[in-house]
Amino acid sequence: MKIIITELAGLTPGEEHNETILARLSERLPELEHDLVQDLSHISHFANYMGGMALDAVIYQKDNLYRLDYHYQWEINWSCADQMEQGVMNDKVRFTLAEDGEVHFKLLKLD
């Protein structure tokens, strides 16, 4: 997944920009959140994203590589048994930041 954030254009890679990048990504969260939800089948094939995603931190790795830490709520509704399970998924994804402000997330996709 790629997104261009023009406010990030021209930043030199480094940890001094972590908070700025986090703030800009947070502003764009509504258009990112559904792509950031990973496969929940390790919890259950019936687990669903329930919203409430929050971005926790951006961590500089090296070169133009960063890591985004975030969390969100999941739920399993067993309506036939009148039961419900809920939890919070803590997740992370690496991304690169190009000089033109293009953020390229390296999402894990399972087949």
C-alpha atoms as a PDB file:
ATOM      1  CA  MET A   1       0.000   0.000   0.000  1.00  0.00           C
ATOM      2  CA  LYS A   2       1.281   3.444  -0.911  1.00  0.00           C
ATOM      3  CA  ILE A   3       0.170   6.910   0.046  1.00  0.00           C
ATOM      4  CA  ILE A   4       1.707  10.296  -0.674  1.00  0.00           C
ATOM      5  CA  ILE A   5       1.873  12.777   2.193  1.00  0.00           C
ATOM      6  CA  THR A   6       3.260  15.985   0.724  1.00  0.00           C
ATOM      7  CA  GLU A   7       4.011  17.412   4.191  1.00  0.00           C
ATOM      8  CA  LEU A   8       6.654  14.692   4.581  1.00  0.00           C
ATOM      9  CA  ALA A   9       8.442  15.503   1.320  1.00  0.00           C
ATOM     10  CA  GLY A  10      12.084  16.426   1.699  1.00  0.00           C
ATOM     11  CA  LEU A  11      12.590  15.019   5.202  1.00  0.00           C
ATOM     12  CA  THR A  12      16.005  13.529   5.728  1.00  0.00           C
ATOM     13  CA  PRO A  13      15.720  10.038   7.229  1.00  0.00           C
ATOM     14  CA  GLY A  14      16.178   9.894  10.981  1.00  0.00           C
ATOM     15  CA  GLU A  15      14.550   9.423  14.354  1.00  0.00           C
ATOM     16  CA  GLU A  16      14.175  13.184  14.857  1.00  0.00           C
ATOM     17  CA  HIS A  17      11.162  13.030  12.497  1.00  0.00           C
ATOM     18  CA  ASN A  18       9.327  10.153  14.235  1.00  0.00           C
ATOM     19  CA  GLU A  19       6.727  12.395  15.913  1.00  0.00           C
ATOM     20  CA  THR A  20       6.117  14.432  12.753  1.00  0.00           C
ATOM     21  CA  ILE A  21       5.573  11.288  10.688  1.00  0.00           C
ATOM     22  CA  LEU A  22       3.271   9.832  13.372  1.00  0.00           C
ATOM     23  CA  ALA A  23       1.187  13.013  13.403  1.00  0.00           C
ATOM     24  CA  ARG A  24       0.815  13.044   9.598  1.00  0.00           C
ATOM     25  CA  LEU A  25      -0.096   9.337   9.484  1.00  0.00           C
ATOM     26  CA  SER A  26      -2.635   9.877  12.274  1.00  0.00           C
ATOM     27  CA  GLU A  27      -4.289  12.603  10.200  1.00  0.00           C
ATOM     28  CA  ARG A  28      -4.675  10.110   7.337  1.00  0.00           C
ATOM     29  CA  LEU A  29      -5.763   7.171   9.526  1.00  0.00           C
ATOM     30  CA  PRO A  30      -9.337   6.973   8.169  1.00  0.00           C
ATOM     31  CA  GLU A  31      -7.996   6.105   4.708  1.00  0.00           C
ATOM     32  CA  LEU A  32      -5.307   3.747   6.043  1.00  0.00           C
ATOM     33  CA  GLU A  33      -6.980   1.790   8.819  1.00  0.00           C
ATOM     34  CA  HIS A  34      -8.700  -0.985   6.859  1.00  0.00           C
ATOM     35  CA  ASP A  35      -5.499  -1.800   4.970  1.00  0.00           C
ATOM     36  CA  LEU A  36      -3.550  -1.901   8.255  1.00  0.00           C
ATOM     37  CA  VAL A  37      -5.821  -4.567   9.762  1.00  0.00           C
ATOM     38  CA  GLN A  38      -3.902  -7.813   9.432  1.00  0.00           C
ATOM     39  CA  ASP A  39      -5.318 -11.309   9.063  1.00  0.00           C
ATOM     40  CA  LEU A  40      -7.159 -12.156  12.291  1.00  0.00           C
ATOM     41  CA  SER A  41      -7.553 -15.868  11.531  1.00  0.00           C
ATOM     42  CA  HIS A  42      -4.929 -16.777  14.146  1.00  0.00           C
ATOM     43  CA  ILE A  43      -7.528 -15.585  16.693  1.00  0.00           C
ATOM     44  CA  SER A  44     -10.492 -17.084  14.846  1.00  0.00           C
ATOM     45  CA  HIS A  45     -11.883 -17.144  11.330  1.00  0.00           C
ATOM     46  CA  PHE A  46     -14.850 -15.327  12.840  1.00  0.00           C
ATOM     47  CA  ALA A  47     -12.837 -12.445  14.342  1.00  0.00           C
ATOM     48  CA  ASN A  48     -13.729  -9.023  12.942  1.00  0.00           C
ATOM     49  CA  TYR A  49     -12.154  -5.594  13.107  1.00  0.00           C
ATOM     50  CA  MET A  50     -14.279  -3.384  15.341  1.00  0.00           C
ATOM     51  CA  GLY A  51     -12.648  -0.023  14.759  1.00  0.00           C
ATOM     52  CA  GLY A  52     -10.900   2.060  17.333  1.00  0.00           C
ATOM     53  CA  MET A  53      -7.495   1.900  15.662  1.00  0.00           C
ATOM     54  CA  ALA A  54      -4.829   4.104  17.207  1.00  0.00           C
ATOM     55  CA  LEU A  55      -1.294   4.743  16.043  1.00  0.00           C
ATOM     56  CA  ASP A  56       1.126   4.366  18.945  1.00  0.00           C
ATOM     57  CA  ALA A  57       4.600   5.158  17.617  1.00  0.00           C
ATOM     58  CA  VAL A  58       6.825   5.578  14.598  1.00  0.00           C
ATOM     59  CA  ILE A  59      10.292   4.147  15.105  1.00  0.00           C
ATOM     60  CA  TYR A  60      13.178   4.904  12.779  1.00  0.00           C
ATOM     61  CA  GLN A  61      14.984   1.707  11.702  1.00  0.00           C
ATOM     62  CA  LYS A  62      17.686   2.637   9.168  1.00  0.00           C
ATOM     63  CA  ASP A  63      18.125   4.440   5.847  1.00  0.00           C
ATOM     64  CA  ASN A  64      14.554   5.433   4.898  1.00  0.00           C
ATOM     65  CA  LEU A  65      12.941   2.482   6.738  1.00  0.00           C
ATOM     66  CA  TYR A  66      10.566   3.049   9.671  1.00  0.00           C
ATOM     67  CA  ARG A  67       8.201   0.946  11.784  1.00  0.00           C
ATOM     68  CA  LEU A  68       4.666   1.930  12.733  1.00  0.00           C
ATOM     69  CA  ASP A  69       3.271   0.454  15.976  1.00  0.00           C
ATOM     70  CA  TYR A  70      -0.508   0.508  16.326  1.00  0.00           C
ATOM     71  CA  HIS A  71      -3.432  -1.278  17.955  1.00  0.00           C
ATOM     72  CA  TYR A  72      -7.085  -1.951  17.292  1.00  0.00           C
ATOM     73  CA  GLN A  73     -10.065  -3.854  18.673  1.00  0.00           C
ATOM     74  CA  TRP A  74     -11.406  -7.154  17.409  1.00  0.00           C
ATOM     75  CA  GLU A  75     -14.569  -9.039  18.261  1.00  0.00           C
ATOM     76  CA  ILE A  76     -16.127 -12.453  17.774  1.00  0.00           C
ATOM     77  CA  ASN A  77     -19.909 -12.541  18.042  1.00  0.00           C
ATOM     78  CA  TRP A  78     -21.276 -16.012  18.685  1.00  0.00           C
ATOM     79  CA  SER A  79     -24.913 -14.896  18.396  1.00  0.00           C
ATOM     80  CA  CYS A  80     -26.252 -18.464  18.284  1.00  0.00           C
ATOM     81  CA  ALA A  81     -24.655 -19.098  21.706  1.00  0.00           C
ATOM     82  CA  ASP A  82     -25.355 -15.580  22.976  1.00  0.00           C
ATOM     83  CA  GLN A  83     -21.641 -15.057  23.607  1.00  0.00           C
ATOM     84  CA  MET A  84     -19.144 -12.453  22.570  1.00  0.00           C
ATOM     85  CA  GLU A  85     -15.356 -12.287  22.770  1.00  0.00           C
ATOM     86  CA  GLN A  86     -13.341  -9.116  22.421  1.00  0.00           C
ATOM     87  CA  GLY A  87      -9.711  -8.161  22.481  1.00  0.00           C
ATOM     88  CA  VAL A  88      -7.057  -5.749  21.368  1.00  0.00           C
ATOM     89  CA  MET A  89      -4.551  -6.538  18.640  1.00  0.00           C
ATOM     90  CA  ASN A  90      -1.160  -4.879  18.950  1.00  0.00           C
ATOM     91  CA  ASP A  91       0.477  -4.797  15.543  1.00  0.00           C
ATOM     92  CA  LYS A  92       3.322  -3.214  13.609  1.00  0.00           C
ATOM     93  CA  VAL A  93       4.275  -2.657  10.008  1.00  0.00           C
ATOM     94  CA  ARG A  94       7.425  -1.430   8.334  1.00  0.00           C
ATOM     95  CA  PHE A  95       7.314   1.338   5.779  1.00  0.00           C
ATOM     96  CA  THR A  96       9.657   3.397   3.685  1.00  0.00           C
ATOM     97  CA  LEU A  97       9.481   7.138   3.243  1.00  0.00           C
ATOM     98  CA  ALA A  98      10.627   8.480  -0.114  1.00  0.00           C
ATOM     99  CA  GLU A  99      11.941  11.987  -0.648  1.00  0.00           C
ATOM    100  CA  ASP A 100       8.723  13.002  -2.448  1.00  0.00           C
ATOM    101  CA  GLY A 101       6.624  12.055   0.619  1.00  0.00           C
ATOM    102  CA  GLU A 102       5.512   8.660  -0.670  1.00  0.00           C
ATOM    103  CA  VAL A 103       4.928   6.246   2.199  1.00  0.00           C
ATOM    104  CA  HIS A 104       5.101   2.604   1.115  1.00  0.00           C
ATOM    105  CA  PHE A 105       3.820   0.136   3.722  1.00  0.00           C
ATOM    106  CA  LYS A 106       5.284  -3.367   3.622  1.00  0.00           C
ATOM    107  CA  LEU A 107       2.151  -5.246   4.643  1.00  0.00           C
ATOM    108  CA  LEU A 108       2.235  -8.947   5.341  1.00  0.00           C
ATOM    109  CA  LYS A 109      -0.291 -10.703   3.118  1.00  0.00           C
ATOM    110  CA  LEU A 110      -1.027 -14.379   3.724  1.00  0.00           C
ATOM    111  CA  ASP A 111      -2.317 -16.573   0.914  1.00  0.00           C
END
